[in-house]
């Protein structure tokens, strides 16, 4: 386990291109494998999580060709309805919760097949019961350890459509059920309480499958094949958010972020930061836009004093992976920042509510656990600094690095190697903006 110290820095300056979007990379590979014709994927993320997806798809029978241009793949799939290979085999999802929760939707509809999905120590603590419940309602045979945790066994069955109300907004559960719906007799409808990221829906529409949206309700029907030829993955707004936060916190900073995804279901953090006084200029996609393509553009970010805010309800799903950064901004802001309705944070790579409260407290922040979120009190001055344990969580590792640049005495991050799960080049990119 590596320990890296991040000292208070001068301003961040320059242009920055974030790594490819992790969520869309997972989906691009999976939908490519489910297609009958070859699918070209451009700007695919090369990280531990996304390599787990490619490895699983290879075991299932897909062919994946890497082109000479980095991040360019041609996926020769096996089709939506097929006798997948590796029946009875183990599929290693590594640390990827996205793969763990999306792939069963496809496997569950392959009658006669049998697979076990398993992963690392962290993934074995991440619940899958929210996926198991709707799949069983559709006629699938799915078994989890203690009815809740991996390993997850999936026995392919004949599925039927359902009308399902998501108890908690989750793009992963929604995507799993939508994929299973492509293989199920009749139609399958899912109703969310509030919008979650919609990358799967955009790919479905581009794949020309029977698809309808009515407000918070989406419906798919059984289809024979996917008509998808290429996917270009934009820069990841969740990865870019760490550079945005650093530029917001370090005096004198100004950073331009190129080729970043601006999908409104992913840019909740940017809107929250703007509300806190951050200077973030760019064409964020308008809320409640439902399109086929992923919007891509540029963000211009500069340091400014911050004020506290409140985050709840509809904003949580569109900022779920960046809410720990909201806590960090709150520690530097004037006033009391409150995040509520974020219980989902307890089911990430770590219990992120407990982790962010304990680790930010360790560097001098005034923060408390409120059960479904946290409250942070700041006076506009930076915390003292100290030591943060990443706990094997890539986002906590990167949060610790950003905190170190702006805290009074810097921050030592224990377990910095966890950043490679989603952003292998994080330290190099950060250093380039500090030259």
Protein backbone atom coordinates (compact mmCIF):
# COMPACT_ATOMS: atom_id res chain seq x y z
CA UNK A 1 0.00 0.00 0.00
CA UNK A 2 1.56 3.28 -1.10
CA UNK A 3 1.59 6.53 0.82
CA UNK A 4 1.87 9.82 -1.11
CA UNK A 5 2.10 13.28 0.39
CA UNK A 6 0.43 16.24 -1.32
CA UNK A 7 1.73 19.61 -0.19
CA UNK A 8 -0.01 23.01 -0.38
CA UNK A 9 0.50 24.25 -3.92
CA UNK A 10 0.56 27.28 -6.10
CA UNK A 11 -2.25 27.76 -8.62
CA UNK A 12 -3.36 25.12 -11.10
CA UNK A 13 -2.99 26.45 -14.64
CA UNK A 14 -3.49 25.12 -18.15
CA UNK A 15 -5.68 22.88 -20.24
CA UNK A 16 -6.69 19.41 -19.17
CA UNK A 17 -8.35 16.50 -21.00
CA UNK A 18 -10.04 14.08 -18.60
CA UNK A 19 -9.84 10.32 -19.11
CA UNK A 20 -12.67 8.60 -20.99
CA UNK A 21 -15.95 8.17 -19.15
CA UNK A 22 -15.96 4.98 -17.07
CA UNK A 23 -19.74 4.48 -17.02
CA UNK A 24 -20.07 4.86 -20.79
CA UNK A 25 -16.99 2.69 -21.45
CA UNK A 26 -18.56 -0.21 -19.52
CA UNK A 27 -21.80 0.17 -21.47
CA UNK A 28 -20.09 0.55 -24.84
CA UNK A 29 -18.25 -2.73 -24.37
CA UNK A 30 -21.33 -4.58 -23.12
CA UNK A 31 -23.62 -3.35 -25.89
CA UNK A 32 -20.90 -4.11 -28.42
CA UNK A 33 -20.77 -7.70 -27.16
CA UNK A 34 -24.57 -7.96 -27.44
CA UNK A 35 -24.57 -6.75 -31.06
CA UNK A 36 -24.53 -8.97 -34.15
CA UNK A 37 -22.36 -6.66 -36.23
CA UNK A 38 -18.95 -5.25 -35.23
CA UNK A 39 -19.07 -2.12 -33.08
CA UNK A 40 -16.24 0.41 -33.12
CA UNK A 41 -15.59 2.01 -29.72
CA UNK A 42 -13.46 5.14 -29.67
CA UNK A 43 -11.82 6.66 -26.58
CA UNK A 44 -12.42 3.60 -24.39
CA UNK A 45 -11.08 3.98 -20.85
CA UNK A 46 -8.09 1.81 -19.98
CA UNK A 47 -8.44 1.20 -16.23
CA UNK A 48 -8.70 -1.72 -13.86
CA UNK A 49 -12.52 -1.60 -13.84
CA UNK A 50 -12.97 -1.41 -17.60
CA UNK A 51 -10.39 -4.12 -18.24
CA UNK A 52 -12.52 -6.38 -16.01
CA UNK A 53 -15.43 -5.77 -18.37
CA UNK A 54 -13.39 -6.63 -21.47
CA UNK A 55 -12.04 -9.79 -19.83
CA UNK A 56 -15.53 -11.00 -18.87
CA UNK A 57 -16.84 -10.38 -22.39
CA UNK A 58 -13.93 -12.29 -23.91
CA UNK A 59 -14.77 -15.26 -21.69
CA UNK A 60 -18.39 -15.05 -22.86
CA UNK A 61 -17.31 -15.34 -26.50
CA UNK A 62 -16.90 -11.80 -27.83
CA UNK A 63 -13.81 -10.90 -29.86
CA UNK A 64 -12.10 -7.60 -29.04
CA UNK A 65 -9.55 -6.03 -31.38
CA UNK A 66 -7.40 -3.16 -30.17
CA UNK A 67 -6.56 -0.70 -32.93
CA UNK A 68 -3.31 1.26 -33.25
CA UNK A 69 -4.95 4.43 -31.88
CA UNK A 70 -5.04 4.14 -28.06
CA UNK A 71 -8.55 3.61 -26.72
CA UNK A 72 -9.93 2.41 -30.06
CA UNK A 73 -11.52 -1.03 -30.06
CA UNK A 74 -13.55 -3.10 -32.47
CA UNK A 75 -15.88 -5.44 -30.61
CA UNK A 76 -17.21 -8.41 -32.54
CA UNK A 77 -20.15 -9.47 -30.46
CA UNK A 78 -22.09 -12.68 -30.16
CA UNK A 79 -25.56 -11.16 -30.51
CA UNK A 80 -28.28 -10.43 -28.01
CA UNK A 81 -29.77 -13.93 -28.13
CA UNK A 82 -27.02 -16.52 -28.08
CA UNK A 83 -25.67 -19.56 -26.30
CA UNK A 84 -22.97 -17.70 -24.38
CA UNK A 85 -19.71 -19.48 -23.67
CA UNK A 86 -18.29 -20.32 -20.25
CA UNK A 87 -21.46 -21.92 -18.99
CA UNK A 88 -20.81 -22.82 -15.38
CA UNK A 89 -17.76 -20.60 -15.33
CA UNK A 90 -16.63 -17.80 -13.01
CA UNK A 91 -16.67 -14.24 -14.26
CA UNK A 92 -14.27 -12.00 -12.33
CA UNK A 93 -15.66 -8.46 -12.10
CA UNK A 94 -12.67 -7.22 -10.10
CA UNK A 95 -13.72 -4.02 -8.33
CA UNK A 96 -16.38 -3.05 -10.86
CA UNK A 97 -19.81 -2.54 -9.34
CA UNK A 98 -21.13 -1.47 -12.75
CA UNK A 99 -20.18 -4.78 -14.36
CA UNK A 100 -21.50 -6.72 -11.36
CA UNK A 101 -24.93 -5.12 -11.69
CA UNK A 102 -25.34 -4.71 -15.47
CA UNK A 103 -24.07 -8.04 -16.79
CA UNK A 104 -26.68 -10.20 -14.96
CA UNK A 105 -29.41 -8.52 -17.03
CA UNK A 106 -27.98 -10.13 -20.17
CA UNK A 107 -27.01 -13.45 -18.60
CA UNK A 108 -30.41 -13.94 -16.95
CA UNK A 109 -32.12 -14.20 -20.34
CA UNK A 110 -29.79 -16.89 -21.78
CA UNK A 111 -31.82 -20.02 -21.11
CA UNK A 112 -29.70 -22.98 -20.04
CA UNK A 113 -26.66 -20.93 -19.09
CA UNK A 114 -25.06 -20.76 -15.67
CA UNK A 115 -22.48 -18.27 -14.39
CA UNK A 116 -20.98 -17.04 -11.14
CA UNK A 117 -20.00 -13.37 -10.83
CA UNK A 118 -17.40 -12.63 -8.19
CA UNK A 119 -14.67 -10.09 -7.51
CA UNK A 120 -12.24 -8.64 -5.02
CA UNK A 121 -12.70 -8.17 -1.30
CA UNK A 122 -14.35 -4.78 -1.78
CA UNK A 123 -16.88 -6.04 -4.34
CA UNK A 124 -17.92 -8.82 -1.97
CA UNK A 125 -19.22 -6.15 0.40
CA UNK A 126 -21.38 -4.43 -2.23
CA UNK A 127 -25.05 -5.46 -2.18
CA UNK A 128 -26.72 -6.95 -5.24
CA UNK A 129 -30.19 -7.57 -3.80
CA UNK A 130 -31.61 -4.60 -5.72
CA UNK A 131 -30.68 -6.40 -8.94
CA UNK A 132 -31.78 -9.82 -7.75
CA UNK A 133 -35.30 -8.67 -6.84
CA UNK A 134 -36.48 -7.41 -10.26
CA UNK A 135 -34.71 -10.21 -12.15
CA UNK A 136 -36.48 -12.84 -10.04
CA UNK A 137 -39.77 -11.03 -10.73
CA UNK A 138 -38.99 -11.46 -14.46
CA UNK A 139 -38.57 -15.22 -14.03
CA UNK A 140 -34.81 -15.36 -13.62
CA UNK A 141 -33.00 -17.69 -11.25
CA UNK A 142 -30.45 -15.61 -9.39
CA UNK A 143 -28.77 -16.41 -6.07
CA UNK A 144 -26.64 -14.15 -3.87
CA UNK A 145 -24.68 -14.91 -0.70
CA UNK A 146 -27.06 -14.35 2.18
CA UNK A 147 -29.62 -13.17 -0.44
CA UNK A 148 -27.68 -9.90 -0.61
CA UNK A 149 -23.97 -10.11 -1.44
CA UNK A 150 -21.64 -11.58 -4.09
CA UNK A 151 -20.74 -14.12 -5.31
CA UNK A 152 -23.81 -13.86 -7.54
CA UNK A 153 -25.01 -16.97 -9.38
CA UNK A 154 -27.12 -16.45 -12.51
CA UNK A 155 -29.00 -19.28 -14.19
CA UNK A 156 -30.32 -18.32 -17.64
CA UNK A 157 -34.09 -18.58 -17.97
CA UNK A 158 -37.03 -17.56 -20.13
CA UNK A 159 -37.96 -14.06 -18.96
CA UNK A 160 -41.18 -12.08 -19.04
CA UNK A 161 -41.67 -8.33 -18.86
CA UNK A 162 -42.60 -6.53 -15.64
CA UNK A 163 -43.67 -3.09 -14.47
CA UNK A 164 -41.14 -2.15 -11.80
CA UNK A 165 -40.88 0.83 -9.46
CA UNK A 166 -37.27 1.47 -8.46
CA UNK A 167 -37.21 1.93 -4.67
CA UNK A 168 -34.01 4.00 -4.90
CA UNK A 169 -32.72 5.88 -7.95
CA UNK A 170 -29.96 3.68 -9.39
CA UNK A 171 -28.71 3.80 -12.96
CA UNK A 172 -27.08 0.39 -12.51
CA UNK A 173 -30.26 -1.38 -11.40
CA UNK A 174 -32.29 0.46 -14.04
CA UNK A 175 -29.82 -0.57 -16.74
CA UNK A 176 -29.81 -4.22 -15.62
CA UNK A 177 -33.62 -4.41 -15.86
CA UNK A 178 -33.71 -2.61 -19.21
CA UNK A 179 -31.16 -5.03 -20.67
CA UNK A 180 -33.12 -8.01 -19.33
CA UNK A 181 -36.23 -6.43 -20.85
CA UNK A 182 -34.69 -6.76 -24.33
CA UNK A 183 -34.77 -10.55 -23.82
CA UNK A 184 -38.13 -10.79 -22.05
CA UNK A 185 -41.53 -11.60 -23.53
CA UNK A 186 -43.74 -8.51 -23.74
CA UNK A 187 -42.66 -5.11 -22.49
CA UNK A 188 -40.73 -4.04 -19.40
CA UNK A 189 -41.32 -0.69 -17.69
CA UNK A 190 -39.25 0.96 -14.97
CA UNK A 191 -40.34 3.99 -12.99
CA UNK A 192 -37.79 6.02 -11.04
CA UNK A 193 -38.48 8.32 -8.12
CA UNK A 194 -36.04 10.80 -9.62
CA UNK A 195 -33.80 10.75 -12.67
CA UNK A 196 -30.49 8.87 -12.53
CA UNK A 197 -27.80 8.87 -15.22
CA UNK A 198 -29.27 7.92 -18.58
CA UNK A 199 -26.34 6.57 -20.63
CA UNK A 200 -28.06 3.20 -21.14
CA UNK A 201 -31.22 4.83 -22.46
CA UNK A 202 -29.22 6.90 -24.96
CA UNK A 203 -27.44 3.79 -26.26
CA UNK A 204 -30.75 1.90 -26.48
CA UNK A 205 -32.25 4.64 -28.65
CA UNK A 206 -29.19 4.64 -30.90
CA UNK A 207 -29.47 0.84 -31.12
CA UNK A 208 -33.00 1.23 -32.54
CA UNK A 209 -34.69 -0.96 -29.95
CA UNK A 210 -38.38 -0.44 -29.07
CA UNK A 211 -38.08 2.28 -26.43
CA UNK A 212 -40.44 4.82 -24.87
CA UNK A 213 -40.08 7.47 -22.16
CA UNK A 214 -42.92 9.10 -20.25
CA UNK A 215 -41.47 11.34 -17.57
CA UNK A 216 -39.82 9.11 -14.98
CA UNK A 217 -41.06 5.94 -16.68
CA UNK A 218 -39.09 4.14 -19.38
CA UNK A 219 -40.28 1.11 -21.34
CA UNK A 220 -38.49 -1.38 -23.58
CA UNK A 221 -39.83 -4.33 -25.51
CA UNK A 222 -38.29 -7.58 -26.64
CA UNK A 223 -36.07 -7.20 -29.68
CA UNK A 224 -34.18 -9.52 -32.00
CA UNK A 225 -31.00 -7.53 -32.43
CA UNK A 226 -29.20 -4.28 -31.69
CA UNK A 227 -28.38 -1.97 -34.61
CA UNK A 228 -25.31 -0.24 -33.28
CA UNK A 229 -22.19 0.55 -35.29
CA UNK A 230 -20.02 2.86 -33.18
CA UNK A 231 -19.74 4.66 -29.85
CA UNK A 232 -17.40 7.52 -29.04
CA UNK A 233 -16.80 7.85 -25.30
CA UNK A 234 -16.55 11.45 -23.99
CA UNK A 235 -14.28 12.59 -21.17
CA UNK A 236 -15.47 11.53 -17.72
CA UNK A 237 -17.14 14.35 -15.74
CA UNK A 238 -16.67 12.38 -12.51
CA UNK A 239 -12.90 12.25 -13.04
CA UNK A 240 -12.84 15.87 -14.21
CA UNK A 241 -14.64 16.86 -10.99
CA UNK A 242 -11.44 16.37 -8.98
CA UNK A 243 -9.59 18.91 -11.13
CA UNK A 244 -12.61 21.20 -10.95
CA UNK A 245 -12.55 20.98 -7.14
CA UNK A 246 -8.80 21.62 -7.03
CA UNK A 247 -9.14 24.71 -9.25
CA UNK A 248 -12.01 25.96 -7.07
CA UNK A 249 -10.00 25.59 -3.85
CA UNK A 250 -6.45 26.67 -4.72
CA UNK A 251 -6.16 30.48 -4.96
CA UNK A 252 -5.18 31.87 -8.35
CA UNK A 253 -6.14 28.72 -10.26
CA UNK A 254 -7.65 28.66 -13.72
CA UNK A 255 -8.09 25.40 -15.63
CA UNK A 256 -9.77 24.71 -18.97
CA UNK A 257 -11.19 21.18 -19.30
CA UNK A 258 -11.51 19.84 -22.86
CA UNK A 259 -13.73 17.13 -24.32
CA UNK A 260 -15.70 16.49 -21.14
CA UNK A 261 -19.15 14.90 -21.08
CA UNK A 262 -21.85 17.44 -20.22
CA UNK A 263 -24.83 15.08 -19.87
CA UNK A 264 -27.15 16.72 -17.33
CA UNK A 265 -27.59 13.45 -15.41
CA UNK A 266 -23.83 13.52 -14.68
CA UNK A 267 -23.11 17.19 -14.01
CA UNK A 268 -24.99 17.72 -10.76
CA UNK A 269 -21.69 18.45 -8.98
CA UNK A 270 -20.90 21.26 -11.41
CA UNK A 271 -24.26 22.90 -10.75
CA UNK A 272 -23.86 22.50 -6.97
CA UNK A 273 -20.37 24.01 -7.09
CA UNK A 274 -21.66 26.93 -9.16
CA UNK A 275 -24.32 27.53 -6.52
CA UNK A 276 -21.58 27.62 -3.89
CA UNK A 277 -19.87 30.41 -5.82
CA UNK A 278 -17.46 28.42 -7.98
CA UNK A 279 -16.60 29.97 -11.33
CA UNK A 280 -17.43 27.19 -13.84
CA UNK A 281 -18.24 28.39 -17.35
CA UNK A 282 -19.50 25.98 -20.01
CA UNK A 283 -22.55 24.72 -21.89
CA UNK A 284 -23.88 22.17 -19.39
CA UNK A 285 -26.74 20.24 -20.93
CA UNK A 286 -30.09 21.63 -19.80
CA UNK A 287 -31.82 19.63 -17.08
CA UNK A 288 -34.54 17.25 -18.35
CA UNK A 289 -33.02 16.96 -21.83
CA UNK A 290 -33.61 13.52 -23.34
CA UNK A 291 -31.45 12.95 -26.40
CA UNK A 292 -29.77 10.12 -28.28
CA UNK A 293 -26.22 11.44 -28.20
CA UNK A 294 -23.89 12.39 -25.36
CA UNK A 295 -23.15 16.14 -25.20
CA UNK A 296 -19.46 17.03 -25.11
CA UNK A 297 -17.80 20.38 -24.56
CA UNK A 298 -15.39 22.57 -22.61
CA UNK A 299 -15.40 23.92 -19.05
CA UNK A 300 -13.44 26.95 -17.84
CA UNK A 301 -12.88 26.79 -14.05
CA UNK A 302 -11.34 29.41 -11.74
CA UNK A 303 -10.84 29.86 -8.00
CA UNK A 304 -13.41 31.86 -6.03
CA UNK A 305 -14.60 32.11 -2.41
CA UNK A 306 -17.27 29.52 -1.58
CA UNK A 307 -20.51 29.66 0.38
CA UNK A 308 -22.37 26.75 1.98
CA UNK A 309 -25.33 25.06 0.30
CA UNK A 310 -27.90 22.29 0.77
CA UNK A 311 -28.08 19.18 -1.43
CA UNK A 312 -31.04 16.79 -1.33
CA UNK A 313 -33.69 15.03 -3.42
CA UNK A 314 -33.30 15.23 -7.18
CA UNK A 315 -29.69 16.43 -7.02
CA UNK A 316 -28.32 13.33 -5.28
CA UNK A 317 -28.51 10.82 -8.20
CA UNK A 318 -26.92 13.29 -10.65
CA UNK A 319 -24.00 13.95 -8.30
CA UNK A 320 -23.73 10.66 -6.39
CA UNK A 321 -20.08 9.98 -7.24
CA UNK A 322 -19.03 13.55 -6.42
CA UNK A 323 -20.86 14.13 -3.13
CA UNK A 324 -17.64 13.52 -1.21
CA UNK A 325 -16.19 16.47 -3.14
CA UNK A 326 -19.19 18.55 -2.03
CA UNK A 327 -18.11 17.71 1.54
CA UNK A 328 -14.59 18.89 0.75
CA UNK A 329 -15.83 22.15 -0.76
CA UNK A 330 -18.06 22.59 2.30
CA UNK A 331 -15.01 22.36 4.56
CA UNK A 332 -13.56 25.42 2.80
CA UNK A 333 -16.87 27.31 2.43
CA UNK A 334 -18.47 29.87 4.70
CA UNK A 335 -21.45 28.40 6.57
CA UNK A 336 -23.12 25.01 6.94
CA UNK A 337 -23.28 22.63 3.98
CA UNK A 338 -25.85 19.83 4.30
CA UNK A 339 -26.17 16.71 2.11
CA UNK A 340 -29.17 14.43 2.75
CA UNK A 341 -30.98 11.58 1.02
CA UNK A 342 -27.65 10.03 0.04
CA UNK A 343 -27.89 6.59 1.70
CA UNK A 344 -26.61 5.06 -1.56
CA UNK A 345 -23.15 6.34 -0.63
CA UNK A 346 -22.96 3.61 2.01
CA UNK A 347 -22.91 0.96 -0.78
CA UNK A 348 -19.96 2.19 -2.84
CA UNK A 349 -16.36 0.90 -2.78
CA UNK A 350 -16.45 1.96 0.86
CA UNK A 351 -19.18 3.30 3.11
CA UNK A 352 -18.51 6.76 1.74
CA UNK A 353 -20.57 8.60 4.34
CA UNK A 354 -18.61 7.09 7.23
CA UNK A 355 -15.35 7.32 5.29
CA UNK A 356 -15.62 10.98 4.25
CA UNK A 357 -16.75 12.04 7.73
CA UNK A 358 -13.90 10.23 9.47
CA UNK A 359 -11.19 11.14 6.97
CA UNK A 360 -12.12 14.83 6.61
CA UNK A 361 -12.38 15.05 10.42
CA UNK A 362 -8.84 13.67 10.58
CA UNK A 363 -7.53 16.64 8.57
CA UNK A 364 -9.39 19.20 10.67
CA UNK A 365 -12.78 19.59 9.00
CA UNK A 366 -15.90 20.12 11.13
CA UNK A 367 -18.15 17.40 9.69
CA UNK A 368 -20.71 14.98 11.14
CA UNK A 369 -22.58 11.90 9.96
CA UNK A 370 -26.36 12.48 9.74
CA UNK A 371 -27.35 8.96 8.76
CA UNK A 372 -28.37 9.66 5.17
CA UNK A 373 -25.62 12.18 4.51
CA UNK A 374 -23.46 14.68 6.35
CA UNK A 375 -23.23 18.25 7.60
CA UNK A 376 -20.06 20.29 7.15
CA UNK A 377 -19.39 23.59 8.90
CA UNK A 378 -16.76 25.97 7.57
CA UNK A 379 -15.56 29.51 8.16
CA UNK A 380 -13.92 30.06 4.78
CA UNK A 381 -10.48 29.06 6.05
CA UNK A 382 -8.75 25.82 4.94
CA UNK A 383 -8.51 22.85 7.34
CA UNK A 384 -5.10 22.19 8.84
CA UNK A 385 -4.34 18.97 6.93
CA UNK A 386 -2.95 15.65 8.08
CA UNK A 387 -3.50 12.08 6.91
CA UNK A 388 -6.27 10.42 4.87
CA UNK A 389 -6.69 6.67 4.39
CA UNK A 390 -8.19 5.92 0.96
CA UNK A 391 -9.69 2.64 2.31
CA UNK A 392 -9.28 1.06 -1.12
CA UNK A 393 -11.69 3.62 -2.63
CA UNK A 394 -10.42 5.40 -5.76
CA UNK A 395 -12.52 8.51 -5.15
CA UNK A 396 -11.31 8.91 -1.57
CA UNK A 397 -7.71 8.63 -2.77
CA UNK A 398 -8.19 11.45 -5.28
CA UNK A 399 -10.16 13.54 -2.77
CA UNK A 400 -7.21 13.28 -0.39
CA UNK A 401 -4.83 14.51 -3.07
CA UNK A 402 -7.02 17.54 -3.85
CA UNK A 403 -7.37 18.32 -0.14
CA UNK A 404 -3.60 18.27 0.26
CA UNK A 405 -3.13 21.01 -2.34
CA UNK A 406 -5.42 23.39 -0.45
CA UNK A 407 -5.03 22.46 3.25
CA UNK A 408 -2.69 24.44 5.46
CA UNK A 409 -0.12 21.71 6.05
CA UNK A 410 -0.87 19.32 3.18
CA UNK A 411 -2.24 15.77 3.31
CA UNK A 412 -0.63 12.34 3.27
CA UNK A 413 -2.81 9.86 1.35
CA UNK A 414 -2.43 6.22 2.35
CA UNK A 415 -3.43 3.81 -0.43
CA UNK A 416 -3.07 6.25 -3.32
CA UNK A 417 -2.82 3.34 -5.76
CA UNK A 418 -6.62 2.93 -5.51
CA UNK A 419 -6.97 5.83 -7.97
CA UNK A 420 -5.98 3.45 -10.79
CA UNK A 421 -9.40 1.78 -10.60
CA UNK A 422 -10.89 4.66 -12.60
CA UNK A 423 -8.08 7.14 -13.29
CA UNK A 424 -4.60 5.62 -13.70
CA UNK A 425 -3.03 8.91 -14.87
CA UNK A 426 -4.48 11.07 -12.09
CA UNK A 427 -1.22 12.03 -10.39
CA UNK A 428 0.51 12.82 -13.68
CA UNK A 429 -2.38 14.98 -14.90
CA UNK A 430 -2.55 16.82 -11.58
CA UNK A 431 1.22 17.46 -11.62
CA UNK A 432 1.01 18.84 -15.16
CA UNK A 433 -1.46 21.53 -14.01
CA UNK A 434 0.85 22.55 -11.17
CA UNK A 435 3.94 23.30 -13.29
